[in-house]
Amino acid sequence: MIDDKTIRSMLEGMESAAEEALRGDATFYHTLRSLKAEIDSDPRVQSAVNELHAGGSRVYSSLVPRIKIRVRTSAGEISLGEPTNAEAYSSAPVAHLTHELRSAAHAVMIRGRYREVLDQIMNQAVESSERFESIAAQVEKAGNEIVICLDLSACARIRETSKPYRRATDLPSSTGPLGRLLSEQDRKFLQDLKISAADK
């Protein structure tokens, strides 16, 4: 039987190996960009970001993929802790619009065609990773079950400014409505995928 501390260490290794496998997958990168474009063009998403711009807020754009792995043991389920990204807003309208933006983006991902494709690409990449399979075999040999999930974080980080944004209805095509302040791990993963998280 493997103790919890060892399983958590193996979870870190499996998640790292899975992300490494995805970094070299061009199909995953192109599909992720297609999903982000679909989110950016959604009318409900565009409405929320335009209202934020009209009220003087700036939106930081990103779509962050993470691979989360859980191990089911006879004593329960073990997973790594969630990263903390505390956000505070100085006004209720901004908080409301930010929630609306996230909700709209999530709805696009749920009903869109790209989510299932991304899941398939992830599973194939993970299965081809010798490092992942080596660790997973040890976990499963001890009688545990591994559950793999692709988590797509489409969140919004908003910066309120003193002046309204005057071109809310005439945005450059490269401006994305989703975003947040990324952790160093997120930035490295996006950089490896050649995805820009530039301030718009």
N, C-alpha and C. Protein backbone atom coordinates (compact mmCIF):
# COMPACT_ATOMS: atom_id res chain seq x y z
N MET A 1 0.84 -1.20 0.00
CA MET A 1 0.00 0.00 0.00
C MET A 1 0.88 1.25 0.00
N ILE A 2 0.52 2.24 -0.81
CA ILE A 2 1.29 3.47 -0.90
C ILE A 2 0.67 4.51 0.03
N ASP A 3 1.49 5.18 0.83
CA ASP A 3 0.96 6.19 1.74
C ASP A 3 0.58 7.46 0.99
N ASP A 4 -0.23 8.31 1.64
CA ASP A 4 -0.77 9.52 1.01
C ASP A 4 0.34 10.45 0.52
N LYS A 5 1.38 10.62 1.32
CA LYS A 5 2.48 11.52 0.94
C LYS A 5 3.13 11.07 -0.35
N THR A 6 3.35 9.77 -0.48
CA THR A 6 3.96 9.23 -1.69
C THR A 6 3.03 9.39 -2.89
N ILE A 7 1.74 9.16 -2.67
CA ILE A 7 0.78 9.31 -3.76
C ILE A 7 0.74 10.75 -4.26
N ARG A 8 0.80 11.72 -3.33
CA ARG A 8 0.80 13.13 -3.73
C ARG A 8 2.04 13.47 -4.56
N SER A 9 3.16 12.90 -4.18
CA SER A 9 4.40 13.10 -4.94
C SER A 9 4.26 12.49 -6.34
N MET A 10 3.64 11.32 -6.41
CA MET A 10 3.42 10.67 -7.71
C MET A 10 2.41 11.45 -8.55
N LEU A 11 1.42 12.07 -7.90
CA LEU A 11 0.46 12.91 -8.61
C LEU A 11 1.17 14.09 -9.27
N GLU A 12 2.08 14.71 -8.55
CA GLU A 12 2.85 15.83 -9.11
C GLU A 12 3.62 15.36 -10.34
N GLY A 13 4.21 14.17 -10.24
CA GLY A 13 4.98 13.63 -11.36
C GLY A 13 4.11 13.33 -12.57
N MET A 14 2.91 12.77 -12.33
CA MET A 14 2.00 12.44 -13.42
C MET A 14 1.47 13.71 -14.10
N GLU A 15 1.10 14.71 -13.31
CA GLU A 15 0.59 15.95 -13.90
C GLU A 15 1.68 16.65 -14.70
N SER A 16 2.90 16.64 -14.17
CA SER A 16 4.03 17.25 -14.89
C SER A 16 4.30 16.52 -16.20
N ALA A 17 4.27 15.18 -16.16
CA ALA A 17 4.52 14.38 -17.37
C ALA A 17 3.42 14.60 -18.41
N ALA A 18 2.18 14.70 -17.95
CA ALA A 18 1.06 14.90 -18.87
C ALA A 18 1.14 16.27 -19.55
N GLU A 19 1.48 17.31 -18.78
CA GLU A 19 1.61 18.65 -19.36
C GLU A 19 2.79 18.71 -20.33
N GLU A 20 3.85 18.01 -19.98
CA GLU A 20 5.02 17.96 -20.88
C GLU A 20 4.65 17.31 -22.20
N ALA A 21 3.84 16.26 -22.16
CA ALA A 21 3.41 15.58 -23.38
C ALA A 21 2.56 16.50 -24.26
N LEU A 22 1.72 17.32 -23.62
CA LEU A 22 0.85 18.23 -24.37
C LEU A 22 1.62 19.39 -25.00
N ARG A 23 2.70 19.81 -24.36
CA ARG A 23 3.46 20.96 -24.89
C ARG A 23 3.98 20.72 -26.29
N GLY A 24 4.26 19.49 -26.61
CA GLY A 24 4.78 19.18 -27.94
C GLY A 24 3.71 18.80 -28.94
N ASP A 25 2.45 18.98 -28.58
CA ASP A 25 1.35 18.56 -29.45
C ASP A 25 0.76 19.77 -30.17
N ALA A 26 1.10 19.93 -31.44
CA ALA A 26 0.63 21.09 -32.22
C ALA A 26 -0.89 21.08 -32.39
N THR A 27 -1.49 19.90 -32.49
CA THR A 27 -2.93 19.81 -32.66
C THR A 27 -3.66 20.36 -31.45
N PHE A 28 -3.15 20.07 -30.26
CA PHE A 28 -3.74 20.60 -29.04
C PHE A 28 -3.69 22.12 -29.04
N TYR A 29 -2.54 22.67 -29.41
CA TYR A 29 -2.36 24.13 -29.45
C TYR A 29 -3.34 24.79 -30.41
N HIS A 30 -3.48 24.23 -31.61
CA HIS A 30 -4.37 24.82 -32.61
C HIS A 30 -5.84 24.70 -32.18
N THR A 31 -6.19 23.58 -31.57
CA THR A 31 -7.57 23.40 -31.11
C THR A 31 -7.89 24.35 -29.96
N LEU A 32 -6.92 24.56 -29.09
CA LEU A 32 -7.10 25.48 -27.97
C LEU A 32 -7.33 26.90 -28.49
N ARG A 33 -6.58 27.29 -29.50
CA ARG A 33 -6.76 28.62 -30.10
C ARG A 33 -8.14 28.74 -30.75
N SER A 34 -8.60 27.67 -31.36
CA SER A 34 -9.93 27.69 -31.98
C SER A 34 -11.02 27.85 -30.92
N LEU A 35 -10.83 27.19 -29.77
CA LEU A 35 -11.80 27.33 -28.67
C LEU A 35 -11.81 28.76 -28.15
N LYS A 36 -10.64 29.35 -27.99
CA LYS A 36 -10.56 30.72 -27.49
C LYS A 36 -11.24 31.69 -28.47
N ALA A 37 -11.04 31.47 -29.77
CA ALA A 37 -11.67 32.32 -30.78
C ALA A 37 -13.19 32.18 -30.70
N GLU A 38 -13.67 30.96 -30.46
CA GLU A 38 -15.11 30.73 -30.34
C GLU A 38 -15.67 31.47 -29.12
N ILE A 39 -14.92 31.44 -28.02
CA ILE A 39 -15.34 32.15 -26.82
C ILE A 39 -15.36 33.66 -27.07
N ASP A 40 -14.29 34.16 -27.69
CA ASP A 40 -14.18 35.60 -27.94
C ASP A 40 -15.29 36.14 -28.83
N SER A 41 -15.79 35.30 -29.74
CA SER A 41 -16.82 35.76 -30.69
C SER A 41 -18.25 35.54 -30.18
N ASP A 42 -18.40 34.93 -29.01
CA ASP A 42 -19.73 34.68 -28.46
C ASP A 42 -20.42 36.01 -28.10
N PRO A 43 -21.66 36.24 -28.53
CA PRO A 43 -22.36 37.51 -28.28
C PRO A 43 -22.46 37.87 -26.79
N ARG A 44 -22.72 36.86 -25.96
CA ARG A 44 -22.84 37.14 -24.52
C ARG A 44 -21.50 37.56 -23.92
N VAL A 45 -20.42 36.92 -24.37
CA VAL A 45 -19.08 37.29 -23.91
C VAL A 45 -18.74 38.69 -24.39
N GLN A 46 -19.00 38.99 -25.66
CA GLN A 46 -18.69 40.30 -26.21
C GLN A 46 -19.47 41.40 -25.50
N SER A 47 -20.73 41.12 -25.17
CA SER A 47 -21.55 42.11 -24.47
C SER A 47 -20.96 42.46 -23.12
N ALA A 48 -20.52 41.44 -22.37
CA ALA A 48 -19.94 41.68 -21.04
C ALA A 48 -18.64 42.47 -21.13
N VAL A 49 -17.77 42.10 -22.07
CA VAL A 49 -16.48 42.80 -22.17
C VAL A 49 -16.68 44.23 -22.66
N ASN A 50 -17.64 44.46 -23.56
CA ASN A 50 -17.91 45.82 -24.02
C ASN A 50 -18.42 46.70 -22.90
N GLU A 51 -19.26 46.15 -22.02
CA GLU A 51 -19.75 46.91 -20.88
C GLU A 51 -18.60 47.26 -19.92
N LEU A 52 -17.68 46.32 -19.73
CA LEU A 52 -16.53 46.58 -18.88
C LEU A 52 -15.66 47.69 -19.47
N HIS A 53 -15.42 47.62 -20.77
CA HIS A 53 -14.63 48.65 -21.44
C HIS A 53 -15.33 50.01 -21.36
N ALA A 54 -16.62 50.01 -21.58
CA ALA A 54 -17.38 51.26 -21.56
C ALA A 54 -17.35 51.91 -20.18
N GLY A 55 -17.23 51.09 -19.14
CA GLY A 55 -17.18 51.61 -17.78
C GLY A 55 -15.78 51.99 -17.33
N GLY A 56 -14.79 51.87 -18.23
CA GLY A 56 -13.43 52.27 -17.90
C GLY A 56 -12.54 51.15 -17.40
N SER A 57 -12.93 49.90 -17.59
CA SER A 57 -12.11 48.77 -17.14
C SER A 57 -11.33 48.17 -18.29
N ARG A 58 -10.19 47.59 -17.96
CA ARG A 58 -9.38 46.89 -18.96
C ARG A 58 -9.44 45.40 -18.66
N VAL A 59 -9.49 44.60 -19.72
CA VAL A 59 -9.63 43.15 -19.58
C VAL A 59 -8.33 42.47 -20.01
N TYR A 60 -7.85 41.54 -19.19
CA TYR A 60 -6.63 40.80 -19.49
C TYR A 60 -7.01 39.41 -20.00
N SER A 61 -6.48 39.04 -21.15
CA SER A 61 -6.96 37.86 -21.87
C SER A 61 -6.08 36.62 -21.67
N SER A 62 -6.74 35.50 -21.36
CA SER A 62 -6.03 34.22 -21.29
C SER A 62 -7.03 33.07 -21.21
N LEU A 63 -6.60 31.92 -21.67
CA LEU A 63 -7.35 30.68 -21.51
C LEU A 63 -6.33 29.65 -21.07
N VAL A 64 -6.39 29.25 -19.82
CA VAL A 64 -5.33 28.45 -19.22
C VAL A 64 -5.74 26.98 -19.08
N PRO A 65 -5.07 26.07 -19.80
CA PRO A 65 -5.37 24.64 -19.65
C PRO A 65 -4.53 24.02 -18.54
N ARG A 66 -5.16 23.20 -17.73
CA ARG A 66 -4.44 22.46 -16.69
C ARG A 66 -4.90 21.02 -16.71
N ILE A 67 -3.98 20.12 -16.47
CA ILE A 67 -4.35 18.71 -16.33
C ILE A 67 -4.41 18.40 -14.84
N LYS A 68 -5.58 17.95 -14.40
CA LYS A 68 -5.76 17.60 -13.00
C LYS A 68 -5.97 16.09 -12.89
N ILE A 69 -5.26 15.50 -11.97
CA ILE A 69 -5.33 14.05 -11.80
C ILE A 69 -5.72 13.74 -10.36
N ARG A 70 -6.64 12.81 -10.20
CA ARG A 70 -7.06 12.35 -8.88
C ARG A 70 -6.78 10.86 -8.77
N VAL A 71 -6.48 10.42 -7.57
CA VAL A 71 -6.27 8.99 -7.32
C VAL A 71 -7.32 8.51 -6.33
N ARG A 72 -8.09 7.51 -6.74
CA ARG A 72 -9.10 6.93 -5.86
C ARG A 72 -8.50 5.72 -5.16
N THR A 73 -8.45 5.79 -3.84
CA THR A 73 -7.92 4.71 -3.02
C THR A 73 -9.05 4.08 -2.22
N SER A 74 -8.75 3.03 -1.50
CA SER A 74 -9.78 2.39 -0.66
C SER A 74 -10.22 3.30 0.47
N ALA A 75 -9.39 4.30 0.81
CA ALA A 75 -9.71 5.21 1.91
C ALA A 75 -10.34 6.52 1.43
N GLY A 76 -10.41 6.70 0.12
CA GLY A 76 -10.97 7.95 -0.39
C GLY A 76 -10.21 8.46 -1.61
N GLU A 77 -10.45 9.69 -1.97
CA GLU A 77 -9.85 10.28 -3.17
C GLU A 77 -8.77 11.29 -2.79
N ILE A 78 -7.66 11.25 -3.51
CA ILE A 78 -6.53 12.15 -3.24
C ILE A 78 -6.24 12.99 -4.48
N SER A 79 -6.08 14.30 -4.28
CA SER A 79 -5.72 15.20 -5.38
C SER A 79 -4.85 16.30 -4.83
N LEU A 80 -4.18 17.02 -5.72
CA LEU A 80 -3.35 18.14 -5.31
C LEU A 80 -4.22 19.35 -5.04
N GLY A 81 -3.76 20.25 -4.19
CA GLY A 81 -4.52 21.44 -3.84
C GLY A 81 -4.67 22.38 -5.00
N GLU A 82 -5.73 23.17 -4.97
CA GLU A 82 -6.00 24.17 -6.01
C GLU A 82 -5.11 25.38 -5.80
N PRO A 83 -4.60 25.98 -6.89
CA PRO A 83 -3.84 27.23 -6.76
C PRO A 83 -4.77 28.36 -6.33
N THR A 84 -4.25 29.26 -5.51
CA THR A 84 -5.07 30.38 -5.05
C THR A 84 -4.85 31.58 -5.94
N ASN A 85 -5.95 32.19 -6.38
CA ASN A 85 -5.91 33.39 -7.21
C ASN A 85 -6.96 34.37 -6.69
N ALA A 86 -6.66 34.94 -5.53
CA ALA A 86 -7.61 35.85 -4.92
C ALA A 86 -7.75 37.12 -5.75
N GLU A 87 -9.00 37.51 -5.97
CA GLU A 87 -9.28 38.71 -6.74
C GLU A 87 -10.28 39.57 -5.98
N ALA A 88 -10.05 40.86 -5.98
CA ALA A 88 -10.97 41.78 -5.32
C ALA A 88 -11.32 42.90 -6.29
N TYR A 89 -12.56 43.31 -6.25
CA TYR A 89 -13.02 44.36 -7.14
C TYR A 89 -13.51 45.53 -6.31
N SER A 90 -13.23 46.74 -6.78
CA SER A 90 -13.57 47.93 -6.02
C SER A 90 -15.02 48.34 -6.21
N SER A 91 -15.72 47.78 -7.18
CA SER A 91 -17.12 48.15 -7.39
C SER A 91 -17.97 46.93 -7.70
N ALA A 92 -19.22 46.98 -7.25
CA ALA A 92 -20.15 45.88 -7.48
C ALA A 92 -20.44 45.65 -8.95
N PRO A 93 -20.61 46.70 -9.77
CA PRO A 93 -20.87 46.46 -11.20
C PRO A 93 -19.77 45.67 -11.88
N VAL A 94 -18.51 45.97 -11.55
CA VAL A 94 -17.39 45.24 -12.15
C VAL A 94 -17.41 43.77 -11.72
N ALA A 95 -17.68 43.54 -10.44
CA ALA A 95 -17.76 42.17 -9.95
C ALA A 95 -18.87 41.40 -10.66
N HIS A 96 -20.02 42.06 -10.86
CA HIS A 96 -21.16 41.42 -11.53
C HIS A 96 -20.81 41.10 -12.98
N LEU A 97 -20.20 42.05 -13.70
CA LEU A 97 -19.86 41.83 -15.10
C LEU A 97 -18.77 40.78 -15.25
N THR A 98 -17.84 40.74 -14.30
CA THR A 98 -16.79 39.73 -14.34
C THR A 98 -17.38 38.33 -14.18
N HIS A 99 -18.34 38.22 -13.26
CA HIS A 99 -19.04 36.93 -13.07
C HIS A 99 -19.79 36.54 -14.34
N GLU A 100 -20.44 37.50 -14.96
CA GLU A 100 -21.18 37.26 -16.20
C GLU A 100 -20.23 36.80 -17.31
N LEU A 101 -19.06 37.41 -17.37
CA LEU A 101 -18.07 37.04 -18.38
C LEU A 101 -17.61 35.60 -18.21
N ARG A 102 -17.32 35.23 -16.99
CA ARG A 102 -16.89 33.86 -16.71
C ARG A 102 -18.00 32.86 -17.03
N SER A 103 -19.21 33.20 -16.63
CA SER A 103 -20.36 32.32 -16.86
C SER A 103 -20.58 32.12 -18.37
N ALA A 104 -20.47 33.20 -19.13
CA ALA A 104 -20.66 33.12 -20.58
C ALA A 104 -19.59 32.26 -21.23
N ALA A 105 -18.35 32.44 -20.79
CA ALA A 105 -17.24 31.65 -21.35
C ALA A 105 -17.42 30.17 -21.03
N HIS A 106 -17.84 29.88 -19.81
CA HIS A 106 -18.05 28.48 -19.41
C HIS A 106 -19.14 27.84 -20.26
N ALA A 107 -20.20 28.60 -20.53
CA ALA A 107 -21.30 28.08 -21.35
C ALA A 107 -20.83 27.73 -22.75
N VAL A 108 -19.94 28.56 -23.31
CA VAL A 108 -19.39 28.28 -24.65
C VAL A 108 -18.60 26.98 -24.63
N MET A 109 -17.79 26.79 -23.60
CA MET A 109 -16.97 25.58 -23.51
C MET A 109 -17.82 24.33 -23.35
N ILE A 110 -18.89 24.43 -22.60
CA ILE A 110 -19.76 23.27 -22.36
C ILE A 110 -20.48 22.84 -23.64
N ARG A 111 -21.00 23.81 -24.39
CA ARG A 111 -21.79 23.44 -25.57
C ARG A 111 -20.96 23.35 -26.85
N GLY A 112 -19.73 23.85 -26.82
CA GLY A 112 -18.89 23.89 -28.01
C GLY A 112 -18.37 22.52 -28.43
N ARG A 113 -17.85 22.45 -29.65
CA ARG A 113 -17.37 21.18 -30.20
C ARG A 113 -15.90 20.92 -29.87
N TYR A 114 -15.20 21.92 -29.37
CA TYR A 114 -13.75 21.77 -29.19
C TYR A 114 -13.37 21.06 -27.89
N ARG A 115 -14.24 21.12 -26.89
CA ARG A 115 -13.89 20.52 -25.61
C ARG A 115 -13.64 19.02 -25.72
N GLU A 116 -14.52 18.33 -26.42
CA GLU A 116 -14.37 16.89 -26.59
C GLU A 116 -13.10 16.56 -27.38
N VAL A 117 -12.80 17.38 -28.38
CA VAL A 117 -11.58 17.17 -29.17
C VAL A 117 -10.34 17.32 -28.29
N LEU A 118 -10.33 18.35 -27.44
CA LEU A 118 -9.20 18.59 -26.55
C LEU A 118 -9.01 17.42 -25.57
N ASP A 119 -10.13 16.88 -25.07
CA ASP A 119 -10.06 15.72 -24.18
C ASP A 119 -9.43 14.52 -24.88
N GLN A 120 -9.81 14.28 -26.13
CA GLN A 120 -9.26 13.17 -26.90
C GLN A 120 -7.76 13.34 -27.14
N ILE A 121 -7.37 14.57 -27.49
CA ILE A 121 -5.95 14.86 -27.72
C ILE A 121 -5.15 14.64 -26.44
N MET A 122 -5.71 15.11 -25.31
CA MET A 122 -5.03 14.94 -24.03
C MET A 122 -4.83 13.46 -23.71
N ASN A 123 -5.88 12.66 -23.87
CA ASN A 123 -5.78 11.23 -23.56
C ASN A 123 -4.73 10.54 -24.41
N GLN A 124 -4.68 10.88 -25.70
CA GLN A 124 -3.69 10.27 -26.59
C GLN A 124 -2.27 10.68 -26.20
N ALA A 125 -2.10 11.97 -25.84
CA ALA A 125 -0.78 12.45 -25.44
C ALA A 125 -0.30 11.78 -24.16
N VAL A 126 -1.22 11.64 -23.21
CA VAL A 126 -0.87 11.02 -21.93
C VAL A 126 -0.49 9.55 -22.12
N GLU A 127 -1.26 8.86 -22.95
CA GLU A 127 -0.99 7.45 -23.19
C GLU A 127 0.36 7.23 -23.88
N SER A 128 0.82 8.23 -24.61
CA SER A 128 2.10 8.10 -25.32
C SER A 128 3.30 8.50 -24.45
N SER A 129 3.04 9.00 -23.25
CA SER A 129 4.12 9.43 -22.36
C SER A 129 4.65 8.26 -21.53
N GLU A 130 5.87 7.87 -21.78
CA GLU A 130 6.46 6.77 -21.03
C GLU A 130 6.62 7.13 -19.55
N ARG A 131 6.96 8.39 -19.29
CA ARG A 131 7.13 8.83 -17.91
C ARG A 131 5.81 8.73 -17.14
N PHE A 132 4.73 9.19 -17.77
CA PHE A 132 3.42 9.12 -17.12
C PHE A 132 3.02 7.66 -16.88
N GLU A 133 3.14 6.84 -17.92
CA GLU A 133 2.72 5.44 -17.82
C GLU A 133 3.51 4.69 -16.75
N SER A 134 4.78 5.04 -16.59
CA SER A 134 5.61 4.38 -15.58
C SER A 134 5.12 4.67 -14.17
N ILE A 135 4.79 5.94 -13.90
CA ILE A 135 4.29 6.31 -12.58
C ILE A 135 2.88 5.74 -12.37
N ALA A 136 2.03 5.85 -13.40
CA ALA A 136 0.65 5.38 -13.29
C ALA A 136 0.60 3.87 -13.01
N ALA A 137 1.50 3.14 -13.61
CA ALA A 137 1.53 1.69 -13.40
C ALA A 137 1.78 1.34 -11.93
N GLN A 138 2.64 2.11 -11.29
CA GLN A 138 2.94 1.86 -9.87
C GLN A 138 1.70 2.16 -9.01
N VAL A 139 1.01 3.24 -9.34
CA VAL A 139 -0.19 3.63 -8.58
C VAL A 139 -1.28 2.59 -8.74
N GLU A 140 -1.50 2.14 -9.97
CA GLU A 140 -2.56 1.16 -10.24
C GLU A 140 -2.21 -0.23 -9.71
N LYS A 141 -0.94 -0.54 -9.69
CA LYS A 141 -0.51 -1.85 -9.18
C LYS A 141 -0.86 -2.00 -7.70
N ALA A 142 -0.92 -0.87 -7.00
CA ALA A 142 -1.25 -0.89 -5.57
C ALA A 142 -2.77 -0.91 -5.34
N GLY A 143 -3.54 -1.06 -6.41
CA GLY A 143 -4.99 -1.18 -6.28
C GLY A 143 -5.75 0.13 -6.33
N ASN A 144 -5.12 1.16 -6.85
CA ASN A 144 -5.76 2.47 -6.92
C ASN A 144 -6.26 2.77 -8.34
N GLU A 145 -7.18 3.72 -8.46
CA GLU A 145 -7.72 4.13 -9.76
C GLU A 145 -7.30 5.56 -10.05
N ILE A 146 -6.90 5.83 -11.30
CA ILE A 146 -6.47 7.16 -11.71
C ILE A 146 -7.55 7.81 -12.56
N VAL A 147 -7.90 9.06 -12.22
CA VAL A 147 -8.88 9.83 -12.97
C VAL A 147 -8.19 11.09 -13.52
N ILE A 148 -8.24 11.27 -14.84
CA ILE A 148 -7.58 12.40 -15.49
C ILE A 148 -8.63 13.36 -16.03
N CYS A 149 -8.43 14.66 -15.78
CA CYS A 149 -9.38 15.67 -16.24
C CYS A 149 -8.63 16.86 -16.81
N LEU A 150 -9.10 17.36 -17.95
CA LEU A 150 -8.55 18.58 -18.53
C LEU A 150 -9.40 19.74 -18.05
N ASP A 151 -8.79 20.62 -17.26
CA ASP A 151 -9.49 21.79 -16.73
C ASP A 151 -9.08 23.01 -17.54
N LEU A 152 -10.07 23.68 -18.13
CA LEU A 152 -9.81 24.89 -18.90
C LEU A 152 -10.32 26.08 -18.10
N SER A 153 -9.39 26.87 -17.58
CA SER A 153 -9.75 28.01 -16.76
C SER A 153 -9.92 29.25 -17.63
N ALA A 154 -11.16 29.63 -17.86
CA ALA A 154 -11.45 30.84 -18.62
C ALA A 154 -11.99 31.86 -17.63
N CYS A 155 -11.08 32.55 -16.99
CA CYS A 155 -11.45 33.52 -15.97
C CYS A 155 -11.10 34.92 -16.44
N ALA A 156 -11.60 35.91 -15.72
CA ALA A 156 -11.35 37.29 -16.11
C ALA A 156 -10.66 38.05 -15.00
N ARG A 157 -9.59 38.74 -15.36
CA ARG A 157 -8.97 39.69 -14.43
C ARG A 157 -9.22 41.08 -15.00
N ILE A 158 -9.84 41.91 -14.19
CA ILE A 158 -10.23 43.23 -14.65
C ILE A 158 -9.45 44.30 -13.88
N ARG A 159 -8.96 45.29 -14.59
CA ARG A 159 -8.33 46.43 -13.95
C ARG A 159 -9.19 47.66 -14.21
N GLU A 160 -9.67 48.27 -13.15
CA GLU A 160 -10.48 49.46 -13.29
C GLU A 160 -9.58 50.68 -13.48
N THR A 161 -9.92 51.54 -14.44
CA THR A 161 -9.15 52.75 -14.70
C THR A 161 -10.02 53.97 -14.43
N SER A 162 -9.41 55.14 -14.43
CA SER A 162 -10.14 56.36 -14.09
C SER A 162 -10.99 56.89 -15.24
N LYS A 163 -10.64 56.52 -16.49
CA LYS A 163 -11.37 57.03 -17.64
C LYS A 163 -12.06 55.89 -18.39
N PRO A 164 -13.26 56.15 -18.91
CA PRO A 164 -13.94 55.12 -19.71
C PRO A 164 -13.15 54.80 -20.97
N TYR A 165 -13.28 53.58 -21.41
CA TYR A 165 -12.64 53.15 -22.65
C TYR A 165 -13.54 53.56 -23.81
N ARG A 166 -13.08 54.48 -24.67
CA ARG A 166 -13.95 55.10 -25.66
C ARG A 166 -14.23 54.24 -26.88
N ARG A 167 -13.43 53.18 -27.10
CA ARG A 167 -13.61 52.39 -28.31
C ARG A 167 -14.15 51.01 -27.99
N ALA A 168 -15.11 50.95 -27.10
CA ALA A 168 -15.64 49.67 -26.64
C ALA A 168 -16.28 48.86 -27.76
N THR A 169 -16.79 49.53 -28.79
CA THR A 169 -17.46 48.80 -29.87
C THR A 169 -16.57 48.68 -31.10
N ASP A 170 -15.29 49.07 -30.97
CA ASP A 170 -14.38 49.01 -32.12
C ASP A 170 -13.05 48.44 -31.66
N LEU A 171 -13.10 47.20 -31.14
CA LEU A 171 -11.92 46.57 -30.58
C LEU A 171 -11.09 45.89 -31.66
N PRO A 172 -9.75 45.91 -31.52
CA PRO A 172 -8.91 45.16 -32.46
C PRO A 172 -9.26 43.69 -32.39
N SER A 173 -9.11 43.00 -33.50
CA SER A 173 -9.50 41.58 -33.56
C SER A 173 -8.66 40.72 -32.64
N SER A 174 -7.48 41.19 -32.25
CA SER A 174 -6.62 40.38 -31.40
C SER A 174 -6.97 40.49 -29.92
N THR A 175 -7.95 41.37 -29.58
CA THR A 175 -8.30 41.55 -28.17
C THR A 175 -9.21 40.43 -27.72
N GLY A 176 -8.82 39.72 -26.64
CA GLY A 176 -9.65 38.67 -26.07
C GLY A 176 -10.33 39.16 -24.81
N PRO A 177 -11.56 38.75 -24.56
CA PRO A 177 -12.30 39.26 -23.42
C PRO A 177 -12.05 38.53 -22.12
N LEU A 178 -11.31 37.44 -22.15
CA LEU A 178 -11.12 36.67 -20.94
C LEU A 178 -9.72 36.85 -20.39
N GLY A 179 -9.57 36.72 -19.10
CA GLY A 179 -8.21 36.83 -18.59
C GLY A 179 -8.14 36.84 -17.08
N ARG A 180 -6.92 36.82 -16.57
CA ARG A 180 -6.63 36.92 -15.16
C ARG A 180 -5.13 37.01 -14.96
N LEU A 181 -4.72 37.28 -13.78
CA LEU A 181 -3.30 37.32 -13.46
C LEU A 181 -2.83 35.89 -13.33
N LEU A 182 -1.86 35.50 -14.13
CA LEU A 182 -1.42 34.11 -14.18
C LEU A 182 -0.33 33.82 -13.16
N SER A 183 -0.32 32.60 -12.66
CA SER A 183 0.78 32.16 -11.82
C SER A 183 1.98 31.88 -12.71
N GLU A 184 3.15 31.71 -12.10
CA GLU A 184 4.36 31.41 -12.87
C GLU A 184 4.20 30.11 -13.64
N GLN A 185 3.52 29.12 -13.03
CA GLN A 185 3.30 27.84 -13.70
C GLN A 185 2.44 28.02 -14.94
N ASP A 186 1.38 28.86 -14.80
CA ASP A 186 0.51 29.13 -15.94
C ASP A 186 1.29 29.80 -17.06
N ARG A 187 2.09 30.81 -16.70
CA ARG A 187 2.85 31.54 -17.71
C ARG A 187 3.80 30.62 -18.46
N LYS A 188 4.46 29.72 -17.73
CA LYS A 188 5.40 28.80 -18.38
C LYS A 188 4.67 27.87 -19.34
N PHE A 189 3.52 27.36 -18.90
CA PHE A 189 2.75 26.45 -19.75
C PHE A 189 2.27 27.15 -21.01
N LEU A 190 1.76 28.39 -20.85
CA LEU A 190 1.30 29.15 -22.01
C LEU A 190 2.45 29.49 -22.94
N GLN A 191 3.61 29.84 -22.36
CA GLN A 191 4.77 30.16 -23.18
C GLN A 191 5.22 28.95 -23.99
N ASP A 192 5.20 27.78 -23.35
CA ASP A 192 5.58 26.55 -24.05
C ASP A 192 4.61 26.24 -25.17
N LEU A 193 3.33 26.61 -24.97
CA LEU A 193 2.32 26.38 -26.02
C LEU A 193 2.30 27.50 -27.05
N LYS A 194 3.18 28.52 -26.83
CA LYS A 194 3.25 29.68 -27.72
C LYS A 194 1.94 30.46 -27.75
N ILE A 195 1.31 30.55 -26.56
CA ILE A 195 0.08 31.33 -26.43
C ILE A 195 0.40 32.63 -25.71
N SER A 196 -0.03 33.73 -26.29
CA SER A 196 0.24 35.04 -25.71
C SER A 196 -0.80 35.37 -24.67
N ALA A 197 -0.33 35.90 -23.53
CA ALA A 197 -1.23 36.38 -22.48
C ALA A 197 -1.04 37.87 -22.34
N ALA A 198 -0.94 38.55 -23.44
CA ALA A 198 -0.62 39.98 -23.46
C ALA A 198 -1.75 40.82 -22.92
N ASP A 199 -1.38 41.94 -22.31
CA ASP A 199 -2.33 42.95 -21.82
C ASP A 199 -2.93 43.67 -23.03
N LYS A 200 -4.25 43.66 -23.10
CA LYS A 200 -4.94 44.34 -24.20
C LYS A 200 -5.57 45.62 -23.69
